[in-house]
């Protein structure tokens, strides 16, 4: 199984306001020149810690639970399935509805869909299904219904 990156493995970068230690051979101006402010902001964003969700029955935290936002984005499909199972979402049970958010887990869904559903489950904002994806699913359902209606009319017998 893939090891999670620990926050300590991410090299700390000096912020533009903090002084660089005298042992460092690079100056803050050189660092600013090598990395764009947007990159440094994104790196800070990916270091954000995630508060773990406890399992209802045992109060345990799964070892796969991502400690940082970066680790969340690095979760594999198998790890997401294991997390959904750990939190009683993969196979509905009496405990499934005891969590702040209940999700309908689909093991055949894509990695992006599973990640979005798990993000919504643990309380991330903006993890809703994209409008394009919803519209495409509705169009596919309409086409299926039309085809079924056509088949019924075509093979109708008296």
N, C-alpha and C. Protein backbone atom coordinates (compact mmCIF):
# COMPACT_ATOMS: atom_id res chain seq x y z
N UNK A 1 0.84 -1.18 0.00
CA UNK A 1 0.00 0.00 0.00
C UNK A 1 0.89 1.24 0.00
N UNK A 2 0.43 2.27 -0.65
CA UNK A 2 1.21 3.49 -0.78
C UNK A 2 1.37 4.17 0.58
N UNK A 3 2.59 4.54 0.88
CA UNK A 3 2.86 5.26 2.13
C UNK A 3 2.39 6.70 1.98
N UNK A 4 1.83 7.25 3.03
CA UNK A 4 1.43 8.65 3.01
C UNK A 4 2.65 9.52 3.27
N UNK A 5 2.71 10.64 2.60
CA UNK A 5 3.78 11.60 2.88
C UNK A 5 3.48 12.25 4.21
N UNK A 6 4.43 12.33 5.03
CA UNK A 6 4.27 13.03 6.30
C UNK A 6 4.52 14.50 6.06
N UNK A 7 3.93 15.35 6.87
CA UNK A 7 4.15 16.78 6.70
C UNK A 7 5.61 17.12 6.89
N UNK A 8 6.32 16.33 7.67
CA UNK A 8 7.72 16.64 7.90
C UNK A 8 8.58 16.36 6.67
N UNK A 9 8.08 15.56 5.71
CA UNK A 9 8.86 15.29 4.52
C UNK A 9 8.77 16.43 3.51
N UNK A 10 7.80 17.31 3.68
CA UNK A 10 7.71 18.47 2.81
C UNK A 10 8.71 19.50 3.31
N UNK A 11 9.63 19.92 2.46
CA UNK A 11 10.63 20.87 2.95
C UNK A 11 9.99 22.21 3.27
N UNK A 12 10.29 22.75 4.44
CA UNK A 12 9.72 24.06 4.76
C UNK A 12 10.33 25.12 3.87
N UNK A 13 9.52 26.07 3.48
CA UNK A 13 10.06 27.16 2.68
C UNK A 13 9.91 28.44 3.49
N UNK A 14 10.85 29.31 3.36
CA UNK A 14 10.74 30.56 4.10
C UNK A 14 9.67 31.44 3.47
N UNK A 15 8.89 32.05 4.32
CA UNK A 15 7.89 32.98 3.78
C UNK A 15 8.60 34.29 3.46
N UNK A 16 7.99 35.11 2.59
CA UNK A 16 8.65 36.36 2.24
C UNK A 16 8.89 37.28 3.44
N UNK A 17 8.11 37.10 4.53
CA UNK A 17 8.26 37.97 5.69
C UNK A 17 9.22 37.42 6.74
N UNK A 18 9.51 36.09 6.68
CA UNK A 18 10.39 35.55 7.71
C UNK A 18 11.83 35.55 7.22
N UNK A 19 12.76 35.83 8.13
CA UNK A 19 14.16 35.85 7.71
C UNK A 19 14.68 34.44 7.47
N UNK A 20 15.62 34.31 6.56
CA UNK A 20 16.26 33.03 6.29
C UNK A 20 17.43 32.90 7.24
N UNK A 21 17.64 31.69 7.73
CA UNK A 21 18.72 31.50 8.70
C UNK A 21 20.08 31.80 8.05
N UNK A 22 21.03 32.12 8.87
CA UNK A 22 22.35 32.49 8.36
C UNK A 22 23.10 31.29 7.81
N UNK A 23 22.67 30.06 8.16
CA UNK A 23 23.33 28.87 7.63
C UNK A 23 22.90 28.55 6.21
N UNK A 24 21.80 29.16 5.76
CA UNK A 24 21.32 28.90 4.41
C UNK A 24 22.17 29.66 3.40
N UNK A 25 22.46 29.00 2.27
CA UNK A 25 23.28 29.63 1.26
C UNK A 25 22.45 30.46 0.27
N UNK A 26 21.13 30.38 0.37
CA UNK A 26 20.28 31.16 -0.54
C UNK A 26 19.65 32.32 0.20
N UNK A 27 19.50 33.41 -0.48
CA UNK A 27 18.85 34.57 0.13
C UNK A 27 17.36 34.52 -0.18
N UNK A 28 16.59 35.33 0.54
CA UNK A 28 15.14 35.36 0.30
C UNK A 28 14.84 35.88 -1.10
N UNK A 29 15.67 36.77 -1.61
CA UNK A 29 15.47 37.27 -2.98
C UNK A 29 15.66 36.15 -4.00
N UNK A 30 16.65 35.28 -3.79
CA UNK A 30 16.86 34.16 -4.70
C UNK A 30 15.68 33.19 -4.65
N UNK A 31 15.16 32.96 -3.42
CA UNK A 31 14.02 32.07 -3.29
C UNK A 31 12.81 32.63 -4.00
N UNK A 32 12.55 33.92 -3.84
CA UNK A 32 11.43 34.56 -4.52
C UNK A 32 11.58 34.43 -6.03
N UNK A 33 12.80 34.52 -6.50
CA UNK A 33 13.05 34.44 -7.93
C UNK A 33 12.84 33.04 -8.48
N UNK A 34 13.15 32.02 -7.67
CA UNK A 34 13.02 30.63 -8.13
C UNK A 34 11.58 30.13 -8.10
N UNK A 35 10.79 30.60 -7.17
CA UNK A 35 9.42 30.13 -7.01
C UNK A 35 8.45 31.30 -7.09
N UNK A 36 7.41 31.10 -7.84
CA UNK A 36 6.40 32.16 -7.96
C UNK A 36 5.59 32.25 -6.67
N UNK A 37 5.03 33.40 -6.39
CA UNK A 37 4.18 33.54 -5.20
C UNK A 37 2.98 32.59 -5.24
N UNK A 38 2.46 32.33 -6.43
CA UNK A 38 1.32 31.42 -6.56
C UNK A 38 1.72 30.00 -6.15
N UNK A 39 2.94 29.59 -6.54
CA UNK A 39 3.43 28.26 -6.17
C UNK A 39 3.60 28.15 -4.66
N UNK A 40 4.19 29.17 -4.05
CA UNK A 40 4.39 29.15 -2.61
C UNK A 40 3.06 29.14 -1.87
N UNK A 41 2.07 29.88 -2.38
CA UNK A 41 0.74 29.89 -1.77
C UNK A 41 0.09 28.52 -1.89
N UNK A 42 0.24 27.87 -3.05
CA UNK A 42 -0.33 26.54 -3.25
C UNK A 42 0.34 25.53 -2.32
N UNK A 43 1.64 25.64 -2.16
CA UNK A 43 2.37 24.76 -1.26
C UNK A 43 1.86 24.92 0.18
N UNK A 44 1.65 26.16 0.60
CA UNK A 44 1.10 26.41 1.94
C UNK A 44 -0.30 25.80 2.06
N UNK A 45 -1.09 25.93 1.00
CA UNK A 45 -2.45 25.40 0.99
C UNK A 45 -2.42 23.87 1.13
N UNK A 46 -1.51 23.21 0.43
CA UNK A 46 -1.42 21.75 0.48
C UNK A 46 -0.91 21.25 1.84
N UNK A 47 -0.29 22.11 2.61
CA UNK A 47 0.20 21.72 3.95
C UNK A 47 -0.89 21.81 5.02
N UNK A 48 -2.07 22.31 4.67
CA UNK A 48 -3.14 22.44 5.65
C UNK A 48 -3.46 21.09 6.29
N UNK A 49 -3.58 21.08 7.60
CA UNK A 49 -3.88 19.87 8.35
C UNK A 49 -5.38 19.59 8.25
N UNK A 50 -5.75 18.32 8.22
CA UNK A 50 -7.15 17.90 8.19
C UNK A 50 -7.46 17.25 9.53
N UNK A 51 -8.53 17.71 10.17
CA UNK A 51 -8.94 17.10 11.44
C UNK A 51 -9.59 15.76 11.12
N UNK A 52 -9.13 14.69 11.75
CA UNK A 52 -9.66 13.36 11.42
C UNK A 52 -11.08 13.16 11.95
N UNK A 53 -11.82 12.36 11.23
CA UNK A 53 -13.16 11.96 11.63
C UNK A 53 -13.05 10.63 12.36
N UNK A 54 -13.67 10.52 13.52
CA UNK A 54 -13.60 9.30 14.32
C UNK A 54 -14.68 8.32 13.89
N UNK A 55 -14.38 7.05 13.96
CA UNK A 55 -15.37 6.02 13.66
C UNK A 55 -16.40 5.99 14.78
N UNK A 56 -17.67 5.89 14.41
CA UNK A 56 -18.77 5.91 15.39
C UNK A 56 -18.65 4.77 16.40
N UNK A 57 -18.36 3.58 15.94
CA UNK A 57 -18.39 2.41 16.84
C UNK A 57 -17.20 2.31 17.77
N UNK A 58 -16.01 2.71 17.31
CA UNK A 58 -14.81 2.50 18.14
C UNK A 58 -14.10 3.79 18.55
N UNK A 59 -14.38 4.89 17.86
CA UNK A 59 -13.66 6.13 18.13
C UNK A 59 -12.27 6.14 17.53
N UNK A 60 -11.98 5.14 16.70
CA UNK A 60 -10.66 5.02 16.08
C UNK A 60 -10.54 5.91 14.84
N UNK A 61 -9.30 6.19 14.49
CA UNK A 61 -8.98 6.93 13.27
C UNK A 61 -8.26 5.95 12.35
N UNK A 62 -8.70 5.80 11.10
CA UNK A 62 -8.02 4.84 10.22
C UNK A 62 -6.62 5.32 9.86
N UNK A 63 -5.70 4.38 9.68
CA UNK A 63 -4.34 4.78 9.34
C UNK A 63 -4.26 5.41 7.95
N UNK A 64 -5.27 5.19 7.09
CA UNK A 64 -5.27 5.79 5.75
C UNK A 64 -5.77 7.23 5.76
N UNK A 65 -6.33 7.70 6.88
CA UNK A 65 -6.91 9.05 6.89
C UNK A 65 -5.81 10.07 6.59
N UNK A 66 -6.08 10.95 5.61
CA UNK A 66 -5.03 11.90 5.21
C UNK A 66 -4.81 13.00 6.25
N UNK A 67 -3.57 13.17 6.71
CA UNK A 67 -3.30 14.22 7.71
C UNK A 67 -3.26 15.63 7.11
N UNK A 68 -2.99 15.74 5.82
CA UNK A 68 -2.92 17.06 5.17
C UNK A 68 -3.72 17.03 3.88
N UNK A 69 -3.95 18.20 3.33
CA UNK A 69 -4.67 18.32 2.07
C UNK A 69 -3.91 17.63 0.94
N UNK A 70 -2.58 17.71 0.96
CA UNK A 70 -1.78 17.02 -0.04
C UNK A 70 -2.04 15.52 0.02
N UNK A 71 -2.06 14.96 1.22
CA UNK A 71 -2.32 13.52 1.38
C UNK A 71 -3.71 13.15 0.89
N UNK A 72 -4.67 14.04 1.07
CA UNK A 72 -6.02 13.80 0.55
C UNK A 72 -5.99 13.64 -0.96
N UNK A 73 -5.26 14.51 -1.65
CA UNK A 73 -5.18 14.44 -3.11
C UNK A 73 -4.36 13.24 -3.57
N UNK A 74 -3.57 12.64 -2.70
CA UNK A 74 -2.76 11.48 -3.07
C UNK A 74 -3.43 10.15 -2.75
N UNK A 75 -4.65 10.18 -2.16
CA UNK A 75 -5.34 8.93 -1.84
C UNK A 75 -5.62 8.12 -3.11
N UNK A 76 -5.41 6.83 -3.02
CA UNK A 76 -5.69 5.95 -4.15
C UNK A 76 -7.14 5.49 -4.09
N UNK A 77 -7.59 4.88 -5.17
CA UNK A 77 -8.96 4.37 -5.22
C UNK A 77 -9.18 3.30 -4.14
N UNK A 78 -8.21 2.43 -3.97
CA UNK A 78 -8.32 1.37 -2.95
C UNK A 78 -8.39 1.98 -1.55
N UNK A 79 -7.59 3.00 -1.29
CA UNK A 79 -7.62 3.65 0.04
C UNK A 79 -8.96 4.33 0.28
N UNK A 80 -9.52 4.96 -0.75
CA UNK A 80 -10.84 5.59 -0.60
C UNK A 80 -11.91 4.55 -0.32
N UNK A 81 -11.84 3.39 -1.00
CA UNK A 81 -12.79 2.31 -0.74
C UNK A 81 -12.66 1.82 0.70
N UNK A 82 -11.42 1.68 1.18
CA UNK A 82 -11.19 1.24 2.56
C UNK A 82 -11.73 2.26 3.56
N UNK A 83 -11.52 3.54 3.28
CA UNK A 83 -12.03 4.59 4.17
C UNK A 83 -13.56 4.58 4.19
N UNK A 84 -14.18 4.41 3.04
CA UNK A 84 -15.65 4.35 2.98
C UNK A 84 -16.16 3.15 3.78
N UNK A 85 -15.45 2.04 3.70
CA UNK A 85 -15.84 0.86 4.47
C UNK A 85 -15.65 1.10 5.97
N UNK A 86 -14.52 1.71 6.34
CA UNK A 86 -14.22 2.00 7.74
C UNK A 86 -15.31 2.87 8.37
N UNK A 87 -15.82 3.83 7.60
CA UNK A 87 -16.84 4.75 8.10
C UNK A 87 -18.26 4.29 7.77
N UNK A 88 -18.45 3.00 7.50
CA UNK A 88 -19.77 2.39 7.27
C UNK A 88 -20.53 3.01 6.10
N UNK A 89 -19.84 3.46 5.07
CA UNK A 89 -20.51 4.07 3.93
C UNK A 89 -20.54 3.16 2.70
N UNK A 90 -19.60 2.23 2.62
CA UNK A 90 -19.54 1.34 1.45
C UNK A 90 -20.68 0.33 1.48
N UNK A 91 -20.91 -0.26 2.62
CA UNK A 91 -22.03 -1.18 2.80
C UNK A 91 -22.92 -0.59 3.89
N UNK A 92 -24.08 -0.07 3.53
CA UNK A 92 -24.95 0.58 4.51
C UNK A 92 -25.27 -0.32 5.70
N UNK A 93 -25.27 0.30 6.86
CA UNK A 93 -25.60 -0.42 8.10
C UNK A 93 -26.34 0.55 9.02
N UNK A 94 -26.61 0.10 10.21
CA UNK A 94 -27.28 0.95 11.19
C UNK A 94 -26.44 2.17 11.55
N UNK A 95 -25.12 2.10 11.33
CA UNK A 95 -24.22 3.19 11.69
C UNK A 95 -24.00 4.19 10.56
N UNK A 96 -24.41 3.85 9.36
CA UNK A 96 -24.14 4.71 8.19
C UNK A 96 -24.70 6.13 8.36
N UNK A 97 -25.88 6.24 8.92
CA UNK A 97 -26.51 7.54 9.08
C UNK A 97 -26.09 8.30 10.33
N UNK A 98 -25.19 7.74 11.13
CA UNK A 98 -24.77 8.38 12.38
C UNK A 98 -23.67 9.41 12.17
N UNK A 99 -23.14 9.51 10.97
CA UNK A 99 -22.08 10.47 10.67
C UNK A 99 -22.70 11.79 10.22
N UNK A 100 -21.96 12.89 10.31
CA UNK A 100 -22.52 14.19 9.92
C UNK A 100 -23.06 14.23 8.48
N UNK A 101 -22.47 13.47 7.60
CA UNK A 101 -22.89 13.45 6.20
C UNK A 101 -22.91 12.01 5.73
N UNK A 102 -23.99 11.59 5.12
CA UNK A 102 -24.07 10.23 4.58
C UNK A 102 -23.84 10.29 3.08
N UNK A 103 -23.10 9.33 2.55
CA UNK A 103 -22.84 9.31 1.11
C UNK A 103 -23.23 7.96 0.53
N UNK A 104 -23.68 7.98 -0.72
CA UNK A 104 -23.98 6.75 -1.44
C UNK A 104 -22.70 6.35 -2.15
N UNK A 105 -22.03 5.33 -1.64
CA UNK A 105 -20.73 4.92 -2.18
C UNK A 105 -20.92 3.96 -3.33
N UNK A 106 -20.24 4.23 -4.41
CA UNK A 106 -20.29 3.37 -5.59
C UNK A 106 -18.87 2.89 -5.88
N UNK A 107 -18.62 1.60 -5.68
CA UNK A 107 -17.26 1.06 -5.87
C UNK A 107 -16.80 1.15 -7.31
N UNK A 108 -17.75 1.26 -8.25
CA UNK A 108 -17.39 1.32 -9.67
C UNK A 108 -17.16 2.75 -10.16
N UNK A 109 -17.36 3.72 -9.29
CA UNK A 109 -17.17 5.12 -9.68
C UNK A 109 -15.69 5.42 -9.93
N UNK A 110 -15.44 6.51 -10.63
CA UNK A 110 -14.06 6.91 -10.93
C UNK A 110 -13.38 7.44 -9.67
N UNK A 111 -12.07 7.54 -9.73
CA UNK A 111 -11.29 8.05 -8.60
C UNK A 111 -11.73 9.47 -8.24
N UNK A 112 -11.97 10.30 -9.23
CA UNK A 112 -12.40 11.68 -8.97
C UNK A 112 -13.73 11.75 -8.24
N UNK A 113 -14.67 10.91 -8.64
CA UNK A 113 -15.99 10.88 -7.99
C UNK A 113 -15.84 10.39 -6.55
N UNK A 114 -15.05 9.35 -6.35
CA UNK A 114 -14.84 8.83 -4.98
C UNK A 114 -14.15 9.87 -4.11
N UNK A 115 -13.16 10.56 -4.66
CA UNK A 115 -12.46 11.58 -3.87
C UNK A 115 -13.43 12.71 -3.51
N UNK A 116 -14.25 13.12 -4.47
CA UNK A 116 -15.21 14.19 -4.21
C UNK A 116 -16.22 13.77 -3.14
N UNK A 117 -16.72 12.53 -3.23
CA UNK A 117 -17.69 12.06 -2.23
C UNK A 117 -17.05 11.97 -0.84
N UNK A 118 -15.80 11.48 -0.78
CA UNK A 118 -15.14 11.39 0.53
C UNK A 118 -14.87 12.79 1.08
N UNK A 119 -14.47 13.72 0.21
CA UNK A 119 -14.26 15.10 0.65
C UNK A 119 -15.53 15.70 1.23
N UNK A 120 -16.64 15.44 0.57
CA UNK A 120 -17.94 15.93 1.07
C UNK A 120 -18.25 15.27 2.41
N UNK A 121 -17.95 13.98 2.52
CA UNK A 121 -18.21 13.22 3.75
C UNK A 121 -17.44 13.79 4.94
N UNK A 122 -16.18 14.17 4.73
CA UNK A 122 -15.38 14.68 5.86
C UNK A 122 -15.53 16.18 6.07
N UNK A 123 -16.40 16.81 5.28
CA UNK A 123 -16.74 18.21 5.54
C UNK A 123 -16.09 19.24 4.64
N UNK A 124 -15.45 18.82 3.55
CA UNK A 124 -14.88 19.81 2.64
C UNK A 124 -16.00 20.54 1.90
N UNK A 125 -15.77 21.81 1.66
CA UNK A 125 -16.73 22.58 0.87
C UNK A 125 -16.40 22.42 -0.61
N UNK A 126 -17.37 22.76 -1.44
CA UNK A 126 -17.22 22.73 -2.91
C UNK A 126 -16.90 21.34 -3.44
N UNK A 127 -17.44 20.32 -2.83
CA UNK A 127 -17.26 18.95 -3.32
C UNK A 127 -18.54 18.43 -3.98
N UNK A 128 -19.39 19.35 -4.40
CA UNK A 128 -20.63 18.95 -5.04
C UNK A 128 -20.36 18.42 -6.44
N UNK A 129 -21.30 17.63 -6.94
CA UNK A 129 -21.19 17.10 -8.29
C UNK A 129 -21.24 18.26 -9.28
N UNK A 130 -20.29 18.33 -10.21
CA UNK A 130 -20.30 19.42 -11.19
C UNK A 130 -21.59 19.41 -12.02
N UNK A 131 -22.05 20.58 -12.40
CA UNK A 131 -23.28 20.71 -13.16
C UNK A 131 -23.19 19.93 -14.47
N UNK A 132 -22.04 19.98 -15.14
CA UNK A 132 -21.87 19.27 -16.41
C UNK A 132 -22.07 17.77 -16.23
N UNK A 133 -21.54 17.24 -15.13
CA UNK A 133 -21.66 15.81 -14.88
C UNK A 133 -23.10 15.43 -14.59
N UNK A 134 -23.81 16.27 -13.85
CA UNK A 134 -25.22 16.02 -13.55
C UNK A 134 -26.05 16.09 -14.82
N UNK A 135 -25.79 17.10 -15.65
CA UNK A 135 -26.53 17.25 -16.90
C UNK A 135 -26.27 16.07 -17.82
N UNK A 136 -25.05 15.60 -17.89
CA UNK A 136 -24.71 14.46 -18.74
C UNK A 136 -25.43 13.20 -18.25
N UNK A 137 -25.50 13.00 -16.94
CA UNK A 137 -26.20 11.84 -16.39
C UNK A 137 -27.69 11.92 -16.69
N UNK A 138 -28.27 13.12 -16.59
CA UNK A 138 -29.68 13.29 -16.89
C UNK A 138 -29.96 13.03 -18.38
N UNK A 139 -29.09 13.51 -19.25
CA UNK A 139 -29.24 13.26 -20.68
C UNK A 139 -29.17 11.77 -20.99
N UNK A 140 -28.23 11.08 -20.37
CA UNK A 140 -28.09 9.64 -20.59
C UNK A 140 -29.35 8.91 -20.11
N UNK A 141 -29.90 9.32 -18.98
CA UNK A 141 -31.12 8.68 -18.46
C UNK A 141 -32.29 8.93 -19.41
N UNK A 142 -32.40 10.15 -19.93
CA UNK A 142 -33.48 10.45 -20.90
C UNK A 142 -33.34 9.59 -22.15
N UNK A 143 -32.12 9.47 -22.66
CA UNK A 143 -31.90 8.63 -23.86
C UNK A 143 -32.27 7.18 -23.59
N UNK A 144 -31.89 6.68 -22.40
CA UNK A 144 -32.23 5.30 -22.04
C UNK A 144 -33.75 5.10 -21.99
N UNK A 145 -34.45 6.06 -21.37
CA UNK A 145 -35.91 5.96 -21.27
C UNK A 145 -36.55 6.01 -22.65
N UNK A 146 -36.06 6.91 -23.52
CA UNK A 146 -36.58 6.99 -24.88
C UNK A 146 -36.38 5.68 -25.63
N UNK A 147 -35.20 5.09 -25.46
CA UNK A 147 -34.90 3.82 -26.12
C UNK A 147 -35.81 2.72 -25.61
N UNK A 148 -36.05 2.70 -24.30
CA UNK A 148 -36.95 1.69 -23.73
C UNK A 148 -38.36 1.88 -24.26
N UNK A 149 -38.82 3.13 -24.35
CA UNK A 149 -40.14 3.40 -24.91
C UNK A 149 -40.22 2.96 -26.36
N UNK A 150 -39.21 3.26 -27.14
CA UNK A 150 -39.17 2.85 -28.54
C UNK A 150 -39.19 1.33 -28.66
N UNK A 151 -38.45 0.66 -27.79
CA UNK A 151 -38.42 -0.80 -27.83
C UNK A 151 -39.79 -1.39 -27.48
N UNK A 152 -40.47 -0.79 -26.50
CA UNK A 152 -41.80 -1.27 -26.13
C UNK A 152 -42.78 -1.12 -27.29
N UNK A 153 -42.73 0.02 -27.94
CA UNK A 153 -43.63 0.26 -29.07
C UNK A 153 -43.27 -0.67 -30.23
N UNK A 154 -42.01 -0.82 -30.49
CA UNK A 154 -41.52 -1.63 -31.61
C UNK A 154 -41.90 -3.10 -31.43
N UNK A 155 -41.80 -3.63 -30.24
CA UNK A 155 -42.04 -5.05 -30.00
C UNK A 155 -43.40 -5.31 -29.34
N UNK A 156 -44.30 -4.35 -29.44
CA UNK A 156 -45.62 -4.51 -28.84
C UNK A 156 -46.39 -5.61 -29.59
N UNK A 157 -46.99 -6.48 -28.86
CA UNK A 157 -47.80 -7.51 -29.51
C UNK A 157 -49.21 -7.48 -28.94
N UNK A 158 -50.15 -7.87 -29.74
CA UNK A 158 -51.56 -7.78 -29.33
C UNK A 158 -52.13 -9.13 -29.12
